[in-house]
Amino acid sequence: MVPRLLVVTDPALMGDDPVGAVRDLLNASVAPSWMLQWRDKATPVRETYARLLALGRAPVPIVVNDRVDVALAVQCGVHLTEASLPTRVVRSLLPERAWIGRSTHSLDAAVRAEAEGADYVVFGPVFDTPSKRSYGAPVGLQALGEATRSLRIPILAIGGIGRDEIPLCLDAGAHGVALIRAVWAAEDRKVALTNLLSALHSGT
């Protein structure tokens, strides 16, 4: 079962020790109530590999952004972008148990990801957020609802989502949410994670 919360890393918000920042969250939560997407486009692949190795056997599922080679090397899942290899190709390379997700920004892309064998899709940006403005205007809750009615696999909403927006996304049919700033920009990340998980599982 895909967890309802996907925490996406952002090195710009995590300080000088991203591995330590993730470990702090892992020590503060009840596994496997969330999953981690290791996303760091600016770091050389060798360093990404080393950081994931340093995490060791995490108590939550991990997917690495776009790097199928790293996923194979550290035996984790992979999260693909719309520009990544086709899902079916990646599926043929990874172990059967490995999760494959894909970011999508339109209904057509989400439908295609499901047809190619993705385990889940991240859909958005639903609301405005600085990290997603390069993808265009927010798609909104109506588009999220249309996507959830069109797909059978879990959809995680992303983009400008905090505790107050979680019920809106769930009401639109989302399985859960993917978050960046709501966790990493929080004054107390452990408290933020706990509150976000509570909102997800209570629907409020």
N, C-alpha and C. Protein backbone atom coordinates (compact mmCIF):
# COMPACT_ATOMS: atom_id res chain seq x y z
N MET A 1 0.85 -1.19 0.00
CA MET A 1 0.00 0.00 0.00
C MET A 1 0.89 1.25 0.00
N VAL A 2 0.65 2.12 -0.94
CA VAL A 2 1.41 3.36 -1.03
C VAL A 2 1.04 4.26 0.16
N PRO A 3 2.02 4.71 0.95
CA PRO A 3 1.71 5.63 2.05
C PRO A 3 1.03 6.90 1.55
N ARG A 4 0.32 7.56 2.43
CA ARG A 4 -0.45 8.74 2.04
C ARG A 4 0.37 10.02 2.05
N LEU A 5 1.57 9.95 2.59
CA LEU A 5 2.44 11.12 2.62
C LEU A 5 3.78 10.80 1.97
N LEU A 6 4.13 11.59 0.96
CA LEU A 6 5.44 11.52 0.32
C LEU A 6 6.20 12.79 0.67
N VAL A 7 7.30 12.64 1.39
CA VAL A 7 8.15 13.78 1.75
C VAL A 7 9.27 13.87 0.72
N VAL A 8 9.33 15.00 0.01
CA VAL A 8 10.31 15.20 -1.06
C VAL A 8 11.44 16.06 -0.52
N THR A 9 12.68 15.60 -0.68
CA THR A 9 13.81 16.37 -0.16
C THR A 9 14.05 17.62 -0.99
N ASP A 10 14.58 18.64 -0.33
CA ASP A 10 14.99 19.89 -0.98
C ASP A 10 16.25 20.37 -0.29
N PRO A 11 17.43 20.13 -0.89
CA PRO A 11 18.69 20.49 -0.24
C PRO A 11 18.77 21.96 0.16
N ALA A 12 18.07 22.84 -0.57
CA ALA A 12 18.11 24.26 -0.26
C ALA A 12 17.47 24.58 1.09
N LEU A 13 16.63 23.68 1.57
CA LEU A 13 15.92 23.90 2.83
C LEU A 13 16.42 23.01 3.97
N MET A 14 17.35 22.11 3.65
CA MET A 14 17.70 21.05 4.61
C MET A 14 19.00 21.31 5.37
N GLY A 15 19.72 22.38 5.04
CA GLY A 15 20.96 22.67 5.75
C GLY A 15 22.15 21.91 5.19
N ASP A 16 23.22 21.90 5.96
CA ASP A 16 24.49 21.33 5.49
C ASP A 16 24.54 19.81 5.59
N ASP A 17 23.60 19.21 6.28
CA ASP A 17 23.62 17.76 6.49
C ASP A 17 22.28 17.16 6.12
N PRO A 18 22.01 16.97 4.82
CA PRO A 18 20.71 16.43 4.42
C PRO A 18 20.45 15.02 4.94
N VAL A 19 21.50 14.21 5.03
CA VAL A 19 21.31 12.86 5.58
C VAL A 19 20.87 12.94 7.04
N GLY A 20 21.52 13.82 7.81
CA GLY A 20 21.12 14.00 9.20
C GLY A 20 19.71 14.53 9.34
N ALA A 21 19.32 15.43 8.43
CA ALA A 21 17.96 15.98 8.47
C ALA A 21 16.93 14.89 8.25
N VAL A 22 17.21 13.99 7.31
CA VAL A 22 16.29 12.89 7.06
C VAL A 22 16.27 11.93 8.25
N ARG A 23 17.42 11.65 8.80
CA ARG A 23 17.48 10.75 9.96
C ARG A 23 16.65 11.29 11.12
N ASP A 24 16.69 12.60 11.33
CA ASP A 24 15.89 13.20 12.40
C ASP A 24 14.41 12.91 12.19
N LEU A 25 13.95 13.01 10.94
CA LEU A 25 12.54 12.72 10.66
C LEU A 25 12.24 11.25 10.86
N LEU A 26 13.15 10.39 10.41
CA LEU A 26 12.94 8.95 10.55
C LEU A 26 12.83 8.56 12.02
N ASN A 27 13.59 9.21 12.87
CA ASN A 27 13.58 8.90 14.29
C ASN A 27 12.34 9.45 15.00
N ALA A 28 11.64 10.35 14.32
CA ALA A 28 10.52 11.03 14.97
C ALA A 28 9.17 10.46 14.57
N SER A 29 9.14 9.51 13.65
CA SER A 29 7.85 9.11 13.09
C SER A 29 7.61 7.62 13.27
N VAL A 30 6.37 7.26 13.02
CA VAL A 30 5.97 5.86 13.07
C VAL A 30 5.99 5.31 11.65
N ALA A 31 6.87 4.36 11.38
CA ALA A 31 6.96 3.75 10.06
C ALA A 31 5.88 2.68 9.95
N PRO A 32 5.41 2.40 8.74
CA PRO A 32 5.73 3.06 7.46
C PRO A 32 4.64 4.03 7.04
N SER A 33 4.38 5.02 7.86
CA SER A 33 3.26 5.93 7.63
C SER A 33 3.55 6.97 6.56
N TRP A 34 4.81 7.04 6.09
CA TRP A 34 5.15 7.97 5.02
C TRP A 34 6.27 7.38 4.20
N MET A 35 6.57 8.02 3.09
CA MET A 35 7.68 7.58 2.26
C MET A 35 8.51 8.80 1.86
N LEU A 36 9.74 8.53 1.43
CA LEU A 36 10.68 9.59 1.14
C LEU A 36 11.08 9.56 -0.33
N GLN A 37 11.01 10.73 -0.97
CA GLN A 37 11.56 10.87 -2.32
C GLN A 37 12.85 11.67 -2.22
N TRP A 38 13.98 11.02 -2.51
CA TRP A 38 15.27 11.71 -2.47
C TRP A 38 15.45 12.44 -3.79
N ARG A 39 15.31 13.76 -3.73
CA ARG A 39 15.37 14.60 -4.93
C ARG A 39 16.45 15.65 -4.73
N ASP A 40 17.47 15.59 -5.57
CA ASP A 40 18.58 16.54 -5.49
C ASP A 40 19.24 16.60 -6.85
N LYS A 41 18.70 17.44 -7.72
CA LYS A 41 19.15 17.47 -9.10
C LYS A 41 20.55 18.04 -9.27
N ALA A 42 21.02 18.83 -8.30
CA ALA A 42 22.30 19.51 -8.46
C ALA A 42 23.49 18.69 -7.96
N THR A 43 23.23 17.66 -7.19
CA THR A 43 24.31 16.88 -6.60
C THR A 43 24.78 15.80 -7.57
N PRO A 44 26.09 15.60 -7.72
CA PRO A 44 26.60 14.53 -8.58
C PRO A 44 26.05 13.17 -8.15
N VAL A 45 25.86 12.30 -9.13
CA VAL A 45 25.22 11.02 -8.85
C VAL A 45 26.01 10.20 -7.84
N ARG A 46 27.34 10.30 -7.86
CA ARG A 46 28.13 9.54 -6.89
C ARG A 46 27.80 9.97 -5.45
N GLU A 47 27.60 11.27 -5.27
CA GLU A 47 27.28 11.76 -3.93
C GLU A 47 25.86 11.37 -3.52
N THR A 48 24.94 11.39 -4.47
CA THR A 48 23.59 10.93 -4.17
C THR A 48 23.61 9.48 -3.72
N TYR A 49 24.37 8.67 -4.43
CA TYR A 49 24.53 7.26 -4.07
C TYR A 49 25.09 7.13 -2.66
N ALA A 50 26.13 7.90 -2.35
CA ALA A 50 26.76 7.82 -1.04
C ALA A 50 25.79 8.25 0.07
N ARG A 51 24.99 9.26 -0.19
CA ARG A 51 24.05 9.74 0.82
C ARG A 51 22.97 8.70 1.10
N LEU A 52 22.49 8.06 0.06
CA LEU A 52 21.47 7.03 0.26
C LEU A 52 22.06 5.82 0.98
N LEU A 53 23.30 5.47 0.67
CA LEU A 53 23.96 4.40 1.40
C LEU A 53 24.11 4.75 2.87
N ALA A 54 24.41 6.02 3.13
CA ALA A 54 24.61 6.46 4.51
C ALA A 54 23.32 6.36 5.34
N LEU A 55 22.18 6.46 4.67
CA LEU A 55 20.91 6.33 5.39
C LEU A 55 20.71 4.91 5.90
N GLY A 56 21.29 3.95 5.20
CA GLY A 56 21.14 2.56 5.60
C GLY A 56 19.73 2.05 5.34
N ARG A 57 19.33 1.08 6.12
CA ARG A 57 18.00 0.48 5.96
C ARG A 57 16.98 1.37 6.67
N ALA A 58 16.37 2.23 5.92
CA ALA A 58 15.40 3.17 6.49
C ALA A 58 14.10 2.45 6.82
N PRO A 59 13.39 2.90 7.85
CA PRO A 59 12.12 2.28 8.23
C PRO A 59 10.95 2.71 7.36
N VAL A 60 11.19 3.60 6.40
CA VAL A 60 10.13 4.01 5.47
C VAL A 60 10.61 3.72 4.05
N PRO A 61 9.68 3.53 3.11
CA PRO A 61 10.09 3.31 1.72
C PRO A 61 10.79 4.54 1.16
N ILE A 62 11.78 4.31 0.30
CA ILE A 62 12.52 5.40 -0.34
C ILE A 62 12.45 5.22 -1.85
N VAL A 63 12.21 6.33 -2.55
CA VAL A 63 12.34 6.36 -4.00
C VAL A 63 13.32 7.47 -4.34
N VAL A 64 14.21 7.22 -5.28
CA VAL A 64 15.20 8.22 -5.67
C VAL A 64 14.72 8.89 -6.95
N ASN A 65 14.94 10.18 -7.04
CA ASN A 65 14.43 10.93 -8.18
C ASN A 65 15.17 10.58 -9.46
N ASP A 66 14.49 9.97 -10.40
CA ASP A 66 14.91 9.83 -11.81
C ASP A 66 16.08 8.87 -12.06
N ARG A 67 16.89 8.56 -11.06
CA ARG A 67 18.11 7.79 -11.27
C ARG A 67 17.86 6.31 -11.10
N VAL A 68 17.58 5.64 -12.21
CA VAL A 68 17.34 4.20 -12.18
C VAL A 68 18.61 3.47 -11.74
N ASP A 69 19.78 3.97 -12.16
CA ASP A 69 21.03 3.32 -11.79
C ASP A 69 21.25 3.36 -10.28
N VAL A 70 20.96 4.49 -9.66
CA VAL A 70 21.11 4.59 -8.21
C VAL A 70 20.09 3.70 -7.50
N ALA A 71 18.87 3.67 -8.01
CA ALA A 71 17.84 2.81 -7.43
C ALA A 71 18.29 1.35 -7.43
N LEU A 72 18.89 0.92 -8.53
CA LEU A 72 19.40 -0.44 -8.60
C LEU A 72 20.54 -0.65 -7.62
N ALA A 73 21.41 0.34 -7.51
CA ALA A 73 22.60 0.19 -6.67
C ALA A 73 22.26 0.12 -5.18
N VAL A 74 21.26 0.88 -4.75
CA VAL A 74 20.93 0.90 -3.32
C VAL A 74 19.65 0.13 -3.02
N GLN A 75 19.07 -0.48 -4.04
CA GLN A 75 17.89 -1.34 -3.89
C GLN A 75 16.70 -0.58 -3.30
N CYS A 76 16.36 0.52 -3.99
CA CYS A 76 15.18 1.27 -3.60
C CYS A 76 14.31 1.49 -4.84
N GLY A 77 13.21 2.20 -4.67
CA GLY A 77 12.36 2.53 -5.80
C GLY A 77 12.85 3.77 -6.52
N VAL A 78 12.10 4.17 -7.54
CA VAL A 78 12.50 5.34 -8.33
C VAL A 78 11.27 6.19 -8.60
N HIS A 79 11.47 7.51 -8.58
CA HIS A 79 10.40 8.44 -8.93
C HIS A 79 10.78 9.14 -10.22
N LEU A 80 9.95 8.99 -11.23
CA LEU A 80 10.24 9.49 -12.57
C LEU A 80 9.56 10.83 -12.82
N THR A 81 10.16 11.62 -13.68
CA THR A 81 9.55 12.86 -14.15
C THR A 81 8.82 12.58 -15.45
N GLU A 82 8.12 13.58 -15.97
CA GLU A 82 7.46 13.40 -17.27
C GLU A 82 8.47 13.19 -18.38
N ALA A 83 9.71 13.65 -18.19
CA ALA A 83 10.74 13.53 -19.22
C ALA A 83 11.61 12.30 -19.05
N SER A 84 11.35 11.49 -18.03
CA SER A 84 12.17 10.31 -17.76
C SER A 84 11.88 9.19 -18.76
N LEU A 85 12.63 8.11 -18.62
CA LEU A 85 12.36 6.90 -19.39
C LEU A 85 10.91 6.46 -19.21
N PRO A 86 10.34 5.80 -20.20
CA PRO A 86 8.98 5.27 -20.03
C PRO A 86 8.90 4.33 -18.83
N THR A 87 7.78 4.38 -18.14
CA THR A 87 7.61 3.56 -16.94
C THR A 87 7.81 2.09 -17.24
N ARG A 88 7.30 1.62 -18.37
CA ARG A 88 7.41 0.20 -18.69
C ARG A 88 8.86 -0.23 -18.86
N VAL A 89 9.70 0.67 -19.36
CA VAL A 89 11.13 0.35 -19.51
C VAL A 89 11.78 0.24 -18.14
N VAL A 90 11.48 1.19 -17.27
CA VAL A 90 12.04 1.16 -15.92
C VAL A 90 11.55 -0.07 -15.17
N ARG A 91 10.30 -0.42 -15.35
CA ARG A 91 9.75 -1.61 -14.69
C ARG A 91 10.52 -2.86 -15.09
N SER A 92 10.94 -2.92 -16.33
CA SER A 92 11.68 -4.10 -16.80
C SER A 92 13.08 -4.19 -16.19
N LEU A 93 13.58 -3.08 -15.65
CA LEU A 93 14.94 -3.04 -15.10
C LEU A 93 14.98 -3.26 -13.59
N LEU A 94 13.96 -2.81 -12.89
CA LEU A 94 13.96 -2.87 -11.44
C LEU A 94 13.33 -4.17 -10.93
N PRO A 95 13.67 -4.57 -9.70
CA PRO A 95 13.01 -5.72 -9.10
C PRO A 95 11.50 -5.51 -9.02
N GLU A 96 10.77 -6.57 -9.04
CA GLU A 96 9.31 -6.49 -9.06
C GLU A 96 8.76 -5.74 -7.85
N ARG A 97 9.44 -5.86 -6.72
CA ARG A 97 8.94 -5.23 -5.48
C ARG A 97 9.21 -3.73 -5.42
N ALA A 98 10.07 -3.22 -6.30
CA ALA A 98 10.46 -1.80 -6.24
C ALA A 98 9.31 -0.91 -6.70
N TRP A 99 9.04 0.13 -5.94
CA TRP A 99 8.00 1.07 -6.31
C TRP A 99 8.49 2.02 -7.39
N ILE A 100 7.58 2.33 -8.30
CA ILE A 100 7.86 3.30 -9.35
C ILE A 100 6.74 4.33 -9.34
N GLY A 101 7.10 5.58 -9.11
CA GLY A 101 6.15 6.68 -9.18
C GLY A 101 6.52 7.61 -10.32
N ARG A 102 5.60 8.48 -10.66
CA ARG A 102 5.88 9.44 -11.74
C ARG A 102 5.17 10.76 -11.46
N SER A 103 5.90 11.85 -11.65
CA SER A 103 5.30 13.18 -11.56
C SER A 103 4.53 13.48 -12.84
N THR A 104 3.33 14.02 -12.68
CA THR A 104 2.50 14.35 -13.84
C THR A 104 1.88 15.72 -13.62
N HIS A 105 1.66 16.42 -14.72
CA HIS A 105 1.12 17.78 -14.65
C HIS A 105 -0.14 17.95 -15.50
N SER A 106 -0.68 16.83 -15.98
CA SER A 106 -1.91 16.87 -16.76
C SER A 106 -2.60 15.52 -16.64
N LEU A 107 -3.88 15.50 -16.97
CA LEU A 107 -4.64 14.26 -16.93
C LEU A 107 -4.06 13.25 -17.91
N ASP A 108 -3.73 13.70 -19.11
CA ASP A 108 -3.18 12.78 -20.12
C ASP A 108 -1.91 12.10 -19.62
N ALA A 109 -1.03 12.87 -18.99
CA ALA A 109 0.22 12.30 -18.48
C ALA A 109 -0.05 11.31 -17.36
N ALA A 110 -1.02 11.61 -16.51
CA ALA A 110 -1.34 10.70 -15.42
C ALA A 110 -1.92 9.39 -15.94
N VAL A 111 -2.81 9.48 -16.92
CA VAL A 111 -3.40 8.28 -17.52
C VAL A 111 -2.32 7.44 -18.18
N ARG A 112 -1.40 8.11 -18.87
CA ARG A 112 -0.31 7.39 -19.53
C ARG A 112 0.60 6.69 -18.52
N ALA A 113 0.88 7.35 -17.41
CA ALA A 113 1.73 6.74 -16.38
C ALA A 113 1.09 5.49 -15.82
N GLU A 114 -0.22 5.54 -15.58
CA GLU A 114 -0.91 4.35 -15.08
C GLU A 114 -0.87 3.23 -16.11
N ALA A 115 -1.12 3.56 -17.37
CA ALA A 115 -1.13 2.54 -18.42
C ALA A 115 0.22 1.86 -18.58
N GLU A 116 1.30 2.61 -18.30
CA GLU A 116 2.64 2.06 -18.44
C GLU A 116 3.11 1.30 -17.21
N GLY A 117 2.32 1.31 -16.14
CA GLY A 117 2.67 0.48 -15.00
C GLY A 117 3.16 1.18 -13.76
N ALA A 118 2.97 2.50 -13.64
CA ALA A 118 3.38 3.21 -12.42
C ALA A 118 2.55 2.72 -11.23
N ASP A 119 3.18 2.70 -10.06
CA ASP A 119 2.48 2.32 -8.84
C ASP A 119 1.66 3.46 -8.27
N TYR A 120 2.09 4.68 -8.53
CA TYR A 120 1.39 5.87 -8.08
C TYR A 120 1.82 7.04 -8.95
N VAL A 121 1.04 8.10 -8.94
CA VAL A 121 1.44 9.34 -9.62
C VAL A 121 1.34 10.50 -8.65
N VAL A 122 2.24 11.45 -8.84
CA VAL A 122 2.17 12.73 -8.15
C VAL A 122 1.60 13.73 -9.14
N PHE A 123 0.54 14.43 -8.75
CA PHE A 123 -0.22 15.27 -9.69
C PHE A 123 -0.25 16.71 -9.19
N GLY A 124 0.11 17.63 -10.09
CA GLY A 124 0.06 19.03 -9.70
C GLY A 124 0.93 19.90 -10.59
N PRO A 125 1.20 21.12 -10.15
CA PRO A 125 0.88 21.67 -8.83
C PRO A 125 -0.60 22.01 -8.67
N VAL A 126 -1.16 21.61 -7.56
CA VAL A 126 -2.57 21.89 -7.31
C VAL A 126 -2.77 23.35 -6.91
N PHE A 127 -1.89 23.85 -6.05
CA PHE A 127 -1.92 25.25 -5.63
C PHE A 127 -0.59 25.90 -6.00
N ASP A 128 -0.55 27.21 -5.90
CA ASP A 128 0.68 27.92 -6.24
C ASP A 128 1.78 27.63 -5.22
N THR A 129 2.99 27.43 -5.72
CA THR A 129 4.14 27.20 -4.86
C THR A 129 5.41 27.59 -5.62
N PRO A 130 6.38 28.21 -4.96
CA PRO A 130 7.59 28.65 -5.66
C PRO A 130 8.33 27.54 -6.38
N SER A 131 8.36 26.34 -5.80
CA SER A 131 9.15 25.26 -6.39
C SER A 131 8.54 24.68 -7.65
N LYS A 132 7.28 24.99 -7.93
CA LYS A 132 6.61 24.38 -9.08
C LYS A 132 6.16 25.39 -10.14
N ARG A 133 6.57 26.65 -10.02
CA ARG A 133 6.09 27.67 -10.97
C ARG A 133 6.62 27.44 -12.37
N SER A 134 7.73 26.73 -12.50
CA SER A 134 8.26 26.44 -13.84
C SER A 134 7.36 25.51 -14.63
N TYR A 135 6.42 24.84 -13.94
CA TYR A 135 5.51 23.93 -14.63
C TYR A 135 4.22 24.62 -15.08
N GLY A 136 4.12 25.92 -14.85
CA GLY A 136 2.94 26.65 -15.28
C GLY A 136 1.99 26.93 -14.14
N ALA A 137 0.80 27.39 -14.49
CA ALA A 137 -0.20 27.75 -13.50
C ALA A 137 -0.67 26.51 -12.75
N PRO A 138 -1.12 26.67 -11.51
CA PRO A 138 -1.65 25.54 -10.76
C PRO A 138 -2.81 24.88 -11.50
N VAL A 139 -2.90 23.56 -11.40
CA VAL A 139 -3.97 22.84 -12.09
C VAL A 139 -5.29 22.96 -11.34
N GLY A 140 -5.24 23.12 -10.03
CA GLY A 140 -6.44 23.32 -9.25
C GLY A 140 -7.09 22.03 -8.78
N LEU A 141 -8.04 22.18 -7.88
CA LEU A 141 -8.72 21.03 -7.29
C LEU A 141 -9.63 20.32 -8.27
N GLN A 142 -10.21 21.07 -9.22
CA GLN A 142 -11.10 20.44 -10.19
C GLN A 142 -10.34 19.44 -11.05
N ALA A 143 -9.15 19.82 -11.51
CA ALA A 143 -8.34 18.91 -12.31
C ALA A 143 -7.87 17.72 -11.48
N LEU A 144 -7.55 17.97 -10.22
CA LEU A 144 -7.18 16.87 -9.33
C LEU A 144 -8.32 15.87 -9.21
N GLY A 145 -9.52 16.38 -9.02
CA GLY A 145 -10.68 15.51 -8.91
C GLY A 145 -10.92 14.70 -10.17
N GLU A 146 -10.74 15.34 -11.32
CA GLU A 146 -10.91 14.62 -12.59
C GLU A 146 -9.89 13.50 -12.71
N ALA A 147 -8.67 13.78 -12.29
CA ALA A 147 -7.62 12.76 -12.35
C ALA A 147 -7.93 11.59 -11.43
N THR A 148 -8.40 11.88 -10.22
CA THR A 148 -8.68 10.80 -9.28
C THR A 148 -9.84 9.93 -9.76
N ARG A 149 -10.76 10.51 -10.50
CA ARG A 149 -11.87 9.73 -11.03
C ARG A 149 -11.47 8.91 -12.25
N SER A 150 -10.37 9.27 -12.87
CA SER A 150 -9.95 8.62 -14.11
C SER A 150 -8.92 7.51 -13.89
N LEU A 151 -8.26 7.50 -12.74
CA LEU A 151 -7.20 6.54 -12.47
C LEU A 151 -7.59 5.60 -11.34
N ARG A 152 -7.01 4.41 -11.37
CA ARG A 152 -7.21 3.45 -10.29
C ARG A 152 -6.05 3.46 -9.30
N ILE A 153 -4.86 3.82 -9.77
CA ILE A 153 -3.70 3.84 -8.88
C ILE A 153 -3.75 5.09 -7.99
N PRO A 154 -3.05 5.07 -6.86
CA PRO A 154 -3.07 6.23 -5.96
C PRO A 154 -2.53 7.49 -6.61
N ILE A 155 -3.18 8.60 -6.31
CA ILE A 155 -2.72 9.92 -6.75
C ILE A 155 -2.35 10.73 -5.51
N LEU A 156 -1.13 11.27 -5.53
CA LEU A 156 -0.67 12.15 -4.47
C LEU A 156 -0.64 13.57 -5.00
N ALA A 157 -1.36 14.46 -4.37
CA ALA A 157 -1.40 15.86 -4.80
C ALA A 157 -0.14 16.57 -4.33
N ILE A 158 0.35 17.50 -5.15
CA ILE A 158 1.53 18.28 -4.79
C ILE A 158 1.33 19.74 -5.19
N GLY A 159 2.03 20.63 -4.49
CA GLY A 159 2.03 22.04 -4.89
C GLY A 159 1.28 22.93 -3.92
N GLY A 160 2.00 23.65 -3.07
CA GLY A 160 1.38 24.61 -2.18
C GLY A 160 0.50 24.00 -1.11
N ILE A 161 0.82 22.78 -0.70
CA ILE A 161 -0.04 22.05 0.24
C ILE A 161 0.57 22.06 1.63
N GLY A 162 -0.24 22.47 2.59
CA GLY A 162 0.10 22.38 4.00
C GLY A 162 -1.05 21.70 4.72
N ARG A 163 -1.05 21.81 6.03
CA ARG A 163 -2.08 21.14 6.82
C ARG A 163 -3.49 21.57 6.40
N ASP A 164 -3.69 22.86 6.14
CA ASP A 164 -5.02 23.36 5.81
C ASP A 164 -5.52 22.88 4.46
N GLU A 165 -4.60 22.59 3.54
CA GLU A 165 -5.00 22.16 2.19
C GLU A 165 -5.22 20.65 2.09
N ILE A 166 -4.73 19.91 3.06
CA ILE A 166 -4.86 18.45 2.99
C ILE A 166 -6.32 17.99 2.87
N PRO A 167 -7.25 18.49 3.71
CA PRO A 167 -8.64 18.04 3.56
C PRO A 167 -9.22 18.35 2.19
N LEU A 168 -8.83 19.47 1.59
CA LEU A 168 -9.34 19.82 0.26
C LEU A 168 -8.89 18.80 -0.77
N CYS A 169 -7.64 18.37 -0.67
CA CYS A 169 -7.11 17.38 -1.62
C CYS A 169 -7.76 16.02 -1.41
N LEU A 170 -7.95 15.65 -0.15
CA LEU A 170 -8.61 14.37 0.13
C LEU A 170 -10.05 14.39 -0.35
N ASP A 171 -10.74 15.51 -0.16
CA ASP A 171 -12.13 15.62 -0.62
C ASP A 171 -12.21 15.51 -2.14
N ALA A 172 -11.15 15.94 -2.83
CA ALA A 172 -11.12 15.83 -4.30
C ALA A 172 -10.80 14.42 -4.76
N GLY A 173 -10.48 13.54 -3.82
CA GLY A 173 -10.25 12.14 -4.17
C GLY A 173 -8.81 11.68 -4.11
N ALA A 174 -7.89 12.58 -3.74
CA ALA A 174 -6.48 12.20 -3.68
C ALA A 174 -6.26 11.14 -2.60
N HIS A 175 -5.36 10.21 -2.90
CA HIS A 175 -4.96 9.21 -1.92
C HIS A 175 -4.17 9.85 -0.79
N GLY A 176 -3.39 10.87 -1.14
CA GLY A 176 -2.55 11.55 -0.17
C GLY A 176 -1.89 12.75 -0.80
N VAL A 177 -0.77 13.18 -0.22
CA VAL A 177 -0.10 14.39 -0.69
C VAL A 177 1.41 14.18 -0.71
N ALA A 178 2.06 14.96 -1.55
CA ALA A 178 3.52 15.04 -1.59
C ALA A 178 3.91 16.44 -1.14
N LEU A 179 4.84 16.54 -0.21
CA LEU A 179 5.15 17.82 0.43
C LEU A 179 6.65 18.10 0.42
N ILE A 180 6.97 19.37 0.31
CA ILE A 180 8.37 19.80 0.39
C ILE A 180 8.48 20.85 1.51
N ARG A 181 8.03 22.06 1.24
CA ARG A 181 8.20 23.17 2.18
C ARG A 181 7.44 22.95 3.49
N ALA A 182 6.31 22.30 3.44
CA ALA A 182 5.53 22.09 4.66
C ALA A 182 6.31 21.30 5.71
N VAL A 183 7.29 20.53 5.25
CA VAL A 183 8.15 19.78 6.18
C VAL A 183 9.47 20.50 6.40
N TRP A 184 10.20 20.74 5.30
CA TRP A 184 11.59 21.20 5.43
C TRP A 184 11.71 22.67 5.84
N ALA A 185 10.69 23.48 5.56
CA ALA A 185 10.73 24.89 5.96
C ALA A 185 10.08 25.13 7.31
N ALA A 186 9.60 24.07 7.94
CA ALA A 186 8.93 24.21 9.23
C ALA A 186 9.94 24.54 10.33
N GLU A 187 9.49 25.30 11.31
CA GLU A 187 10.36 25.65 12.44
C GLU A 187 10.76 24.40 13.22
N ASP A 188 9.81 23.49 13.39
CA ASP A 188 10.08 22.20 14.04
C ASP A 188 9.59 21.11 13.10
N ARG A 189 10.51 20.48 12.40
CA ARG A 189 10.14 19.51 11.36
C ARG A 189 9.44 18.28 11.94
N LYS A 190 9.86 17.86 13.10
CA LYS A 190 9.26 16.67 13.71
C LYS A 190 7.80 16.94 14.06
N VAL A 191 7.54 18.09 14.64
CA VAL A 191 6.16 18.46 14.97
C VAL A 191 5.34 18.62 13.70
N ALA A 192 5.93 19.25 12.68
CA ALA A 192 5.22 19.42 11.41
C ALA A 192 4.85 18.08 10.81
N LEU A 193 5.78 17.14 10.80
CA LEU A 193 5.50 15.82 10.24
C LEU A 193 4.37 15.14 11.00
N THR A 194 4.43 15.20 12.32
CA THR A 194 3.38 14.59 13.13
C THR A 194 2.02 15.21 12.84
N ASN A 195 1.97 16.52 12.74
CA ASN A 195 0.70 17.21 12.47
C ASN A 195 0.17 16.90 11.08
N LEU A 196 1.07 16.81 10.11
CA LEU A 196 0.66 16.50 8.74
C LEU A 196 0.12 15.08 8.64
N LEU A 197 0.77 14.15 9.29
CA LEU A 197 0.28 12.77 9.29
C LEU A 197 -1.07 12.68 9.98
N SER A 198 -1.23 13.43 11.06
CA SER A 198 -2.51 13.44 11.76
C SER A 198 -3.62 13.98 10.86
N ALA A 199 -3.32 15.05 10.13
CA ALA A 199 -4.31 15.62 9.21
C ALA A 199 -4.68 14.64 8.12
N LEU A 200 -3.71 13.92 7.62
CA LEU A 200 -3.97 12.95 6.55
C LEU A 200 -4.85 11.81 7.03
N HIS A 201 -4.58 11.32 8.20
CA HIS A 201 -5.28 10.13 8.67
C HIS A 201 -6.60 10.45 9.36
N SER A 202 -6.79 11.72 9.70
CA SER A 202 -8.08 12.11 10.28
C SER A 202 -8.99 12.76 9.25
N GLY A 203 -8.36 13.21 8.13
CA GLY A 203 -9.13 13.88 7.09
C GLY A 203 -9.48 15.30 7.46
N THR A 204 -8.80 15.84 8.49
CA THR A 204 -9.08 17.21 8.93
C THR A 204 -7.80 17.99 9.02
